[in-house]
Amino acid sequence: MNRPVIVKHIQKIYSTGELEQLSTCSILEQVAADGKIRKMNLYNLDIIISVGYRVNSKQATQFRQWATHRAERVSS
């Protein structure tokens, strides 16, 4: 999966109110080799899981199976 697809899913999650950006995203500033400051979004586990449940791919299916298995183990 490429970055534009992930960004699209994240924007949809925020626009529908499924999650709030302020509580799931932090902005990290890094100084690049050329001396310019680059801003990078860092997302917490909640947004990663939400994107993982929206994506339709073999890896996403494996992720959902893994997450479901983990959730079942925690709740029992």
PDB file of N, CA and C in Angstrom:
ATOM      1  N   MET A   1       0.846  -1.167   0.000  1.00  0.00           N
ATOM      2  CA  MET A   1       0.000   0.000   0.000  1.00  0.00           C
ATOM      3  C   MET A   1       0.898   1.238   0.000  1.00  0.00           C
ATOM      4  N   ASN A   2       0.469   2.242  -0.733  1.00  0.00           N
ATOM      5  CA  ASN A   2       1.298   3.440  -0.800  1.00  0.00           C
ATOM      6  C   ASN A   2       0.738   4.573   0.059  1.00  0.00           C
ATOM      7  N   ARG A   3       1.567   5.562   0.274  1.00  0.00           N
ATOM      8  CA  ARG A   3       1.254   6.657   1.193  1.00  0.00           C
ATOM      9  C   ARG A   3      -0.060   7.384   0.880  1.00  0.00           C
ATOM     10  N   PRO A   4      -0.348   7.741  -0.391  1.00  0.00           N
ATOM     11  CA  PRO A   4      -1.606   8.458  -0.662  1.00  0.00           C
ATOM     12  C   PRO A   4      -2.856   7.700  -0.212  1.00  0.00           C
ATOM     13  N   VAL A   5      -2.842   6.392  -0.316  1.00  0.00           N
ATOM     14  CA  VAL A   5      -3.998   5.599   0.110  1.00  0.00           C
ATOM     15  C   VAL A   5      -4.153   5.674   1.628  1.00  0.00           C
ATOM     16  N   ILE A   6      -3.060   5.566   2.334  1.00  0.00           N
ATOM     17  CA  ILE A   6      -3.103   5.639   3.801  1.00  0.00           C
ATOM     18  C   ILE A   6      -3.575   7.017   4.245  1.00  0.00           C
ATOM     19  N   VAL A   7      -3.048   8.055   3.627  1.00  0.00           N
ATOM     20  CA  VAL A   7      -3.448   9.430   3.965  1.00  0.00           C
ATOM     21  C   VAL A   7      -4.945   9.617   3.724  1.00  0.00           C
ATOM     22  N   LYS A   8      -5.456   9.054   2.632  1.00  0.00           N
ATOM     23  CA  LYS A   8      -6.899   9.142   2.327  1.00  0.00           C
ATOM     24  C   LYS A   8      -7.721   8.493   3.436  1.00  0.00           C
ATOM     25  N   HIS A   9      -7.302   7.322   3.890  1.00  0.00           N
ATOM     26  CA  HIS A   9      -8.021   6.641   4.971  1.00  0.00           C
ATOM     27  C   HIS A   9      -7.969   7.457   6.263  1.00  0.00           C
ATOM     28  N   ILE A  10      -6.816   8.010   6.571  1.00  0.00           N
ATOM     29  CA  ILE A  10      -6.668   8.813   7.792  1.00  0.00           C
ATOM     30  C   ILE A  10      -7.572  10.047   7.734  1.00  0.00           C
ATOM     31  N   GLN A  11      -7.591  10.729   6.596  1.00  0.00           N
ATOM     32  CA  GLN A  11      -8.453  11.904   6.445  1.00  0.00           C
ATOM     33  C   GLN A  11      -9.921  11.541   6.621  1.00  0.00           C
ATOM     34  N   LYS A  12     -10.328  10.400   6.084  1.00  0.00           N
ATOM     35  CA  LYS A  12     -11.720   9.954   6.213  1.00  0.00           C
ATOM     36  C   LYS A  12     -12.058   9.637   7.668  1.00  0.00           C
ATOM     37  N   ILE A  13     -11.130   9.008   8.371  1.00  0.00           N
ATOM     38  CA  ILE A  13     -11.332   8.687   9.790  1.00  0.00           C
ATOM     39  C   ILE A  13     -11.550   9.972  10.588  1.00  0.00           C
ATOM     40  N   TYR A  14     -10.756  10.993  10.303  1.00  0.00           N
ATOM     41  CA  TYR A  14     -10.907  12.265  11.011  1.00  0.00           C
ATOM     42  C   TYR A  14     -12.169  13.005  10.589  1.00  0.00           C
ATOM     43  N   SER A  15     -12.484  13.007   9.291  1.00  0.00           N
ATOM     44  CA  SER A  15     -13.648  13.778   8.818  1.00  0.00           C
ATOM     45  C   SER A  15     -14.976  13.183   9.295  1.00  0.00           C
ATOM     46  N   THR A  16     -15.011  11.879   9.518  1.00  0.00           N
ATOM     47  CA  THR A  16     -16.243  11.250   9.998  1.00  0.00           C
ATOM     48  C   THR A  16     -16.363  11.290  11.518  1.00  0.00           C
ATOM     49  N   GLY A  17     -15.311  11.739  12.189  1.00  0.00           N
ATOM     50  CA  GLY A  17     -15.344  11.823  13.642  1.00  0.00           C
ATOM     51  C   GLY A  17     -15.077  10.500  14.336  1.00  0.00           C
ATOM     52  N   GLU A  18     -14.614   9.511  13.576  1.00  0.00           N
ATOM     53  CA  GLU A  18     -14.297   8.215  14.187  1.00  0.00           C
ATOM     54  C   GLU A  18     -13.224   8.380  15.266  1.00  0.00           C
ATOM     55  N   LEU A  19     -12.220   9.182  14.973  1.00  0.00           N
ATOM     56  CA  LEU A  19     -11.165   9.512  15.943  1.00  0.00           C
ATOM     57  C   LEU A  19     -10.850  10.996  15.837  1.00  0.00           C
ATOM     58  N   GLU A  20     -10.273  11.551  16.881  1.00  0.00           N
ATOM     59  CA  GLU A  20      -9.892  12.966  16.869  1.00  0.00           C
ATOM     60  C   GLU A  20      -8.408  13.096  16.594  1.00  0.00           C
ATOM     61  N   GLN A  21      -8.073  14.018  15.712  1.00  0.00           N
ATOM     62  CA  GLN A  21      -6.682  14.203  15.315  1.00  0.00           C
ATOM     63  C   GLN A  21      -5.797  14.618  16.491  1.00  0.00           C
ATOM     64  N   LEU A  22      -6.299  15.487  17.356  1.00  0.00           N
ATOM     65  CA  LEU A  22      -5.484  15.961  18.471  1.00  0.00           C
ATOM     66  C   LEU A  22      -5.072  14.846  19.429  1.00  0.00           C
ATOM     67  N   SER A  23      -5.899  13.807  19.536  1.00  0.00           N
ATOM     68  CA  SER A  23      -5.578  12.734  20.467  1.00  0.00           C
ATOM     69  C   SER A  23      -4.871  11.554  19.807  1.00  0.00           C
ATOM     70  N   THR A  24      -4.736  11.564  18.478  1.00  0.00           N
ATOM     71  CA  THR A  24      -4.123  10.415  17.801  1.00  0.00           C
ATOM     72  C   THR A  24      -2.907  10.768  16.959  1.00  0.00           C
ATOM     73  N   CYS A  25      -2.563  12.039  16.867  1.00  0.00           N
ATOM     74  CA  CYS A  25      -1.462  12.458  16.005  1.00  0.00           C
ATOM     75  C   CYS A  25      -0.595  13.511  16.700  1.00  0.00           C
ATOM     76  N   SER A  26       0.706  13.320  16.600  1.00  0.00           N
ATOM     77  CA  SER A  26       1.666  14.313  17.088  1.00  0.00           C
ATOM     78  C   SER A  26       2.545  14.722  15.918  1.00  0.00           C
ATOM     79  N   ILE A  27       3.034  15.945  15.950  1.00  0.00           N
ATOM     80  CA  ILE A  27       3.910  16.422  14.890  1.00  0.00           C
ATOM     81  C   ILE A  27       5.331  16.469  15.433  1.00  0.00           C
ATOM     82  N   LEU A  28       6.217  15.780  14.736  1.00  0.00           N
ATOM     83  CA  LEU A  28       7.635  15.739  15.100  1.00  0.00           C
ATOM     84  C   LEU A  28       8.390  16.601  14.107  1.00  0.00           C
ATOM     85  N   GLU A  29       9.238  17.464  14.625  1.00  0.00           N
ATOM     86  CA  GLU A  29      10.074  18.278  13.746  1.00  0.00           C
ATOM     87  C   GLU A  29      11.490  17.722  13.771  1.00  0.00           C
ATOM     88  N   GLN A  30      12.051  17.513  12.571  1.00  0.00           N
ATOM     89  CA  GLN A  30      13.401  17.006  12.444  1.00  0.00           C
ATOM     90  C   GLN A  30      14.202  17.948  11.566  1.00  0.00           C
ATOM     91  N   VAL A  31      15.475  18.069  11.887  1.00  0.00           N
ATOM     92  CA  VAL A  31      16.363  18.864  11.051  1.00  0.00           C
ATOM     93  C   VAL A  31      17.005  17.913  10.049  1.00  0.00           C
ATOM     94  N   ALA A  32      16.789  18.179   8.779  1.00  0.00           N
ATOM     95  CA  ALA A  32      17.332  17.338   7.709  1.00  0.00           C
ATOM     96  C   ALA A  32      18.804  17.675   7.467  1.00  0.00           C
ATOM     97  N   ALA A  33      19.455  16.862   6.664  1.00  0.00           N
ATOM     98  CA  ALA A  33      20.875  17.056   6.365  1.00  0.00           C
ATOM     99  C   ALA A  33      21.136  18.411   5.713  1.00  0.00           C
ATOM    100  N   ASP A  34      20.155  18.935   4.978  1.00  0.00           N
ATOM    101  CA  ASP A  34      20.322  20.236   4.327  1.00  0.00           C
ATOM    102  C   ASP A  34      20.027  21.407   5.263  1.00  0.00           C
ATOM    103  N   GLY A  35      19.733  21.105   6.537  1.00  0.00           N
ATOM    104  CA  GLY A  35      19.491  22.140   7.534  1.00  0.00           C
ATOM    105  C   GLY A  35      18.051  22.600   7.628  1.00  0.00           C
ATOM    106  N   LYS A  36      17.188  22.132   6.733  1.00  0.00           N
ATOM    107  CA  LYS A  36      15.778  22.516   6.763  1.00  0.00           C
ATOM    108  C   LYS A  36      15.034  21.675   7.797  1.00  0.00           C
ATOM    109  N   ILE A  37      14.017  22.289   8.392  1.00  0.00           N
ATOM    110  CA  ILE A  37      13.196  21.579   9.373  1.00  0.00           C
ATOM    111  C   ILE A  37      12.053  20.900   8.631  1.00  0.00           C
ATOM    112  N   ARG A  38      11.910  19.618   8.840  1.00  0.00           N
ATOM    113  CA  ARG A  38      10.840  18.826   8.244  1.00  0.00           C
ATOM    114  C   ARG A  38       9.856  18.424   9.338  1.00  0.00           C
ATOM    115  N   LYS A  39       8.584  18.522   9.041  1.00  0.00           N
ATOM    116  CA  LYS A  39       7.550  18.108   9.985  1.00  0.00           C
ATOM    117  C   LYS A  39       7.004  16.754   9.551  1.00  0.00           C
ATOM    118  N   MET A  40       6.845  15.868  10.533  1.00  0.00           N
ATOM    119  CA  MET A  40       6.366  14.523  10.258  1.00  0.00           C
ATOM    120  C   MET A  40       5.257  14.193  11.247  1.00  0.00           C
ATOM    121  N   ASN A  41       4.164  13.637  10.726  1.00  0.00           N
ATOM    122  CA  ASN A  41       3.074  13.208  11.598  1.00  0.00           C
ATOM    123  C   ASN A  41       3.399  11.842  12.184  1.00  0.00           C
ATOM    124  N   LEU A  42       3.215  11.713  13.486  1.00  0.00           N
ATOM    125  CA  LEU A  42       3.361  10.436  14.171  1.00  0.00           C
ATOM    126  C   LEU A  42       1.994  10.061  14.724  1.00  0.00           C
ATOM    127  N   TYR A  43       1.541   8.853  14.395  1.00  0.00           N
ATOM    128  CA  TYR A  43       0.203   8.415  14.768  1.00  0.00           C
ATOM    129  C   TYR A  43       0.264   7.366  15.864  1.00  0.00           C
ATOM    130  N   ASN A  44      -0.743   7.365  16.728  1.00  0.00           N
ATOM    131  CA  ASN A  44      -0.778   6.370  17.803  1.00  0.00           C
ATOM    132  C   ASN A  44      -1.438   5.084  17.320  1.00  0.00           C
ATOM    133  N   LEU A  45      -1.486   4.113  18.192  1.00  0.00           N
ATOM    134  CA  LEU A  45      -1.997   2.792  17.832  1.00  0.00           C
ATOM    135  C   LEU A  45      -3.460   2.822  17.399  1.00  0.00           C
ATOM    136  N   ASP A  46      -4.266   3.702  17.971  1.00  0.00           N
ATOM    137  CA  ASP A  46      -5.689   3.776  17.604  1.00  0.00           C
ATOM    138  C   ASP A  46      -5.874   4.044  16.109  1.00  0.00           C
ATOM    139  N   ILE A  47      -5.123   4.996  15.571  1.00  0.00           N
ATOM    140  CA  ILE A  47      -5.277   5.327  14.149  1.00  0.00           C
ATOM    141  C   ILE A  47      -4.719   4.208  13.271  1.00  0.00           C
ATOM    142  N   ILE A  48      -3.641   3.580  13.712  1.00  0.00           N
ATOM    143  CA  ILE A  48      -3.057   2.473  12.955  1.00  0.00           C
ATOM    144  C   ILE A  48      -4.057   1.323  12.852  1.00  0.00           C
ATOM    145  N   ILE A  49      -4.706   1.010  13.954  1.00  0.00           N
ATOM    146  CA  ILE A  49      -5.712  -0.054  13.944  1.00  0.00           C
ATOM    147  C   ILE A  49      -6.892   0.335  13.060  1.00  0.00           C
ATOM    148  N   SER A  50      -7.354   1.566  13.140  1.00  0.00           N
ATOM    149  CA  SER A  50      -8.480   2.009  12.306  1.00  0.00           C
ATOM    150  C   SER A  50      -8.156   1.896  10.826  1.00  0.00           C
ATOM    151  N   VAL A  51      -6.964   2.306  10.435  1.00  0.00           N
ATOM    152  CA  VAL A  51      -6.562   2.182   9.030  1.00  0.00           C
ATOM    153  C   VAL A  51      -6.466   0.702   8.655  1.00  0.00           C
ATOM    154  N   GLY A  52      -5.910  -0.106   9.543  1.00  0.00           N
ATOM    155  CA  GLY A  52      -5.775  -1.535   9.277  1.00  0.00           C
ATOM    156  C   GLY A  52      -7.095  -2.223   9.029  1.00  0.00           C
ATOM    157  N   TYR A  53      -8.164  -1.733   9.654  1.00  0.00           N
ATOM    158  CA  TYR A  53      -9.487  -2.322   9.457  1.00  0.00           C
ATOM    159  C   TYR A  53     -10.192  -1.785   8.216  1.00  0.00           C
ATOM    160  N   ARG A  54      -9.668  -0.750   7.604  1.00  0.00           N
ATOM    161  CA  ARG A  54     -10.291  -0.188   6.401  1.00  0.00           C
ATOM    162  C   ARG A  54      -9.655  -0.706   5.121  1.00  0.00           C
ATOM    163  N   VAL A  55      -8.425  -1.107   5.190  1.00  0.00           N
ATOM    164  CA  VAL A  55      -7.667  -1.494   4.005  1.00  0.00           C
ATOM    165  C   VAL A  55      -8.076  -2.894   3.551  1.00  0.00           C
ATOM    166  N   ASN A  56      -8.154  -3.078   2.247  1.00  0.00           N
ATOM    167  CA  ASN A  56      -8.516  -4.371   1.691  1.00  0.00           C
ATOM    168  C   ASN A  56      -7.301  -4.946   0.955  1.00  0.00           C
ATOM    169  N   SER A  57      -6.540  -5.770   1.647  1.00  0.00           N
ATOM    170  CA  SER A  57      -5.383  -6.426   1.054  1.00  0.00           C
ATOM    171  C   SER A  57      -5.072  -7.680   1.858  1.00  0.00           C
ATOM    172  N   LYS A  58      -4.190  -8.504   1.336  1.00  0.00           N
ATOM    173  CA  LYS A  58      -3.816  -9.729   2.041  1.00  0.00           C
ATOM    174  C   LYS A  58      -3.171  -9.387   3.386  1.00  0.00           C
ATOM    175  N   GLN A  59      -2.286  -8.385   3.392  1.00  0.00           N
ATOM    176  CA  GLN A  59      -1.633  -7.984   4.641  1.00  0.00           C
ATOM    177  C   GLN A  59      -2.634  -7.422   5.637  1.00  0.00           C
ATOM    178  N   ALA A  60      -3.618  -6.666   5.152  1.00  0.00           N
ATOM    179  CA  ALA A  60      -4.633  -6.107   6.043  1.00  0.00           C
ATOM    180  C   ALA A  60      -5.478  -7.218   6.656  1.00  0.00           C
ATOM    181  N   THR A  61      -5.795  -8.229   5.856  1.00  0.00           N
ATOM    182  CA  THR A  61      -6.554  -9.373   6.377  1.00  0.00           C
ATOM    183  C   THR A  61      -5.752 -10.083   7.461  1.00  0.00           C
ATOM    184  N   GLN A  62      -4.469 -10.281   7.234  1.00  0.00           N
ATOM    185  CA  GLN A  62      -3.609 -10.913   8.239  1.00  0.00           C
ATOM    186  C   GLN A  62      -3.552 -10.059   9.508  1.00  0.00           C
ATOM    187  N   PHE A  63      -3.489  -8.739   9.332  1.00  0.00           N
ATOM    188  CA  PHE A  63      -3.478  -7.836  10.484  1.00  0.00           C
ATOM    189  C   PHE A  63      -4.765  -7.969  11.284  1.00  0.00           C
ATOM    190  N   ARG A  64      -5.916  -7.990  10.594  1.00  0.00           N
ATOM    191  CA  ARG A  64      -7.196  -8.098  11.285  1.00  0.00           C
ATOM    192  C   ARG A  64      -7.314  -9.422  12.031  1.00  0.00           C
ATOM    193  N   GLN A  65      -6.830 -10.490  11.419  1.00  0.00           N
ATOM    194  CA  GLN A  65      -6.855 -11.796  12.092  1.00  0.00           C
ATOM    195  C   GLN A  65      -5.966 -11.766  13.339  1.00  0.00           C
ATOM    196  N   TRP A  66      -4.799 -11.165  13.209  1.00  0.00           N
ATOM    197  CA  TRP A  66      -3.882 -11.060  14.350  1.00  0.00           C
ATOM    198  C   TRP A  66      -4.514 -10.216  15.459  1.00  0.00           C
ATOM    199  N   ALA A  67      -5.092  -9.060  15.093  1.00  0.00           N
ATOM    200  CA  ALA A  67      -5.689  -8.169  16.089  1.00  0.00           C
ATOM    201  C   ALA A  67      -6.876  -8.831  16.783  1.00  0.00           C
ATOM    202  N   THR A  68      -7.691  -9.546  16.020  1.00  0.00           N
ATOM    203  CA  THR A  68      -8.849 -10.243  16.601  1.00  0.00           C
ATOM    204  C   THR A  68      -8.377 -11.322  17.568  1.00  0.00           C
ATOM    205  N   HIS A  69      -7.368 -12.064  17.183  1.00  0.00           N
ATOM    206  CA  HIS A  69      -6.826 -13.119  18.045  1.00  0.00           C
ATOM    207  C   HIS A  69      -6.297 -12.514  19.354  1.00  0.00           C
ATOM    208  N   ARG A  70      -5.585 -11.410  19.251  1.00  0.00           N
ATOM    209  CA  ARG A  70      -5.046 -10.741  20.443  1.00  0.00           C
ATOM    210  C   ARG A  70      -6.180 -10.244  21.340  1.00  0.00           C
ATOM    211  N   ALA A  71      -7.202  -9.668  20.730  1.00  0.00           N
ATOM    212  CA  ALA A  71      -8.337  -9.146  21.508  1.00  0.00           C
ATOM    213  C   ALA A  71      -9.069 -10.285  22.232  1.00  0.00           C
ATOM    214  N   GLU A  72      -9.198 -11.413  21.560  1.00  0.00           N
ATOM    215  CA  GLU A  72      -9.853 -12.566  22.193  1.00  0.00           C
ATOM    216  C   GLU A  72      -9.048 -13.064  23.376  1.00  0.00           C
ATOM    217  N   ARG A  73      -7.738 -13.065  23.270  1.00  0.00           N
ATOM    218  CA  ARG A  73      -6.881 -13.527  24.365  1.00  0.00           C
ATOM    219  C   ARG A  73      -6.941 -12.571  25.555  1.00  0.00           C
ATOM    220  N   VAL A  74      -7.037 -11.290  25.278  1.00  0.00           N
ATOM    221  CA  VAL A  74      -7.083 -10.302  26.362  1.00  0.00           C
ATOM    222  C   VAL A  74      -8.418 -10.353  27.093  1.00  0.00           C
ATOM    223  N   SER A  75      -9.500 -10.562  26.348  1.00  0.00           N
ATOM    224  CA  SER A  75     -10.831 -10.544  26.984  1.00  0.00           C
ATOM    225  C   SER A  75     -11.182 -11.838  27.702  1.00  0.00           C
ATOM    226  N   SER A  76     -10.447 -12.918  27.456  1.00  0.00           N
ATOM    227  CA  SER A  76     -10.789 -14.180  28.127  1.00  0.00           C
ATOM    228  C   SER A  76     -10.009 -14.387  29.397  1.00  0.00           C
TER     229      SER A  76
END
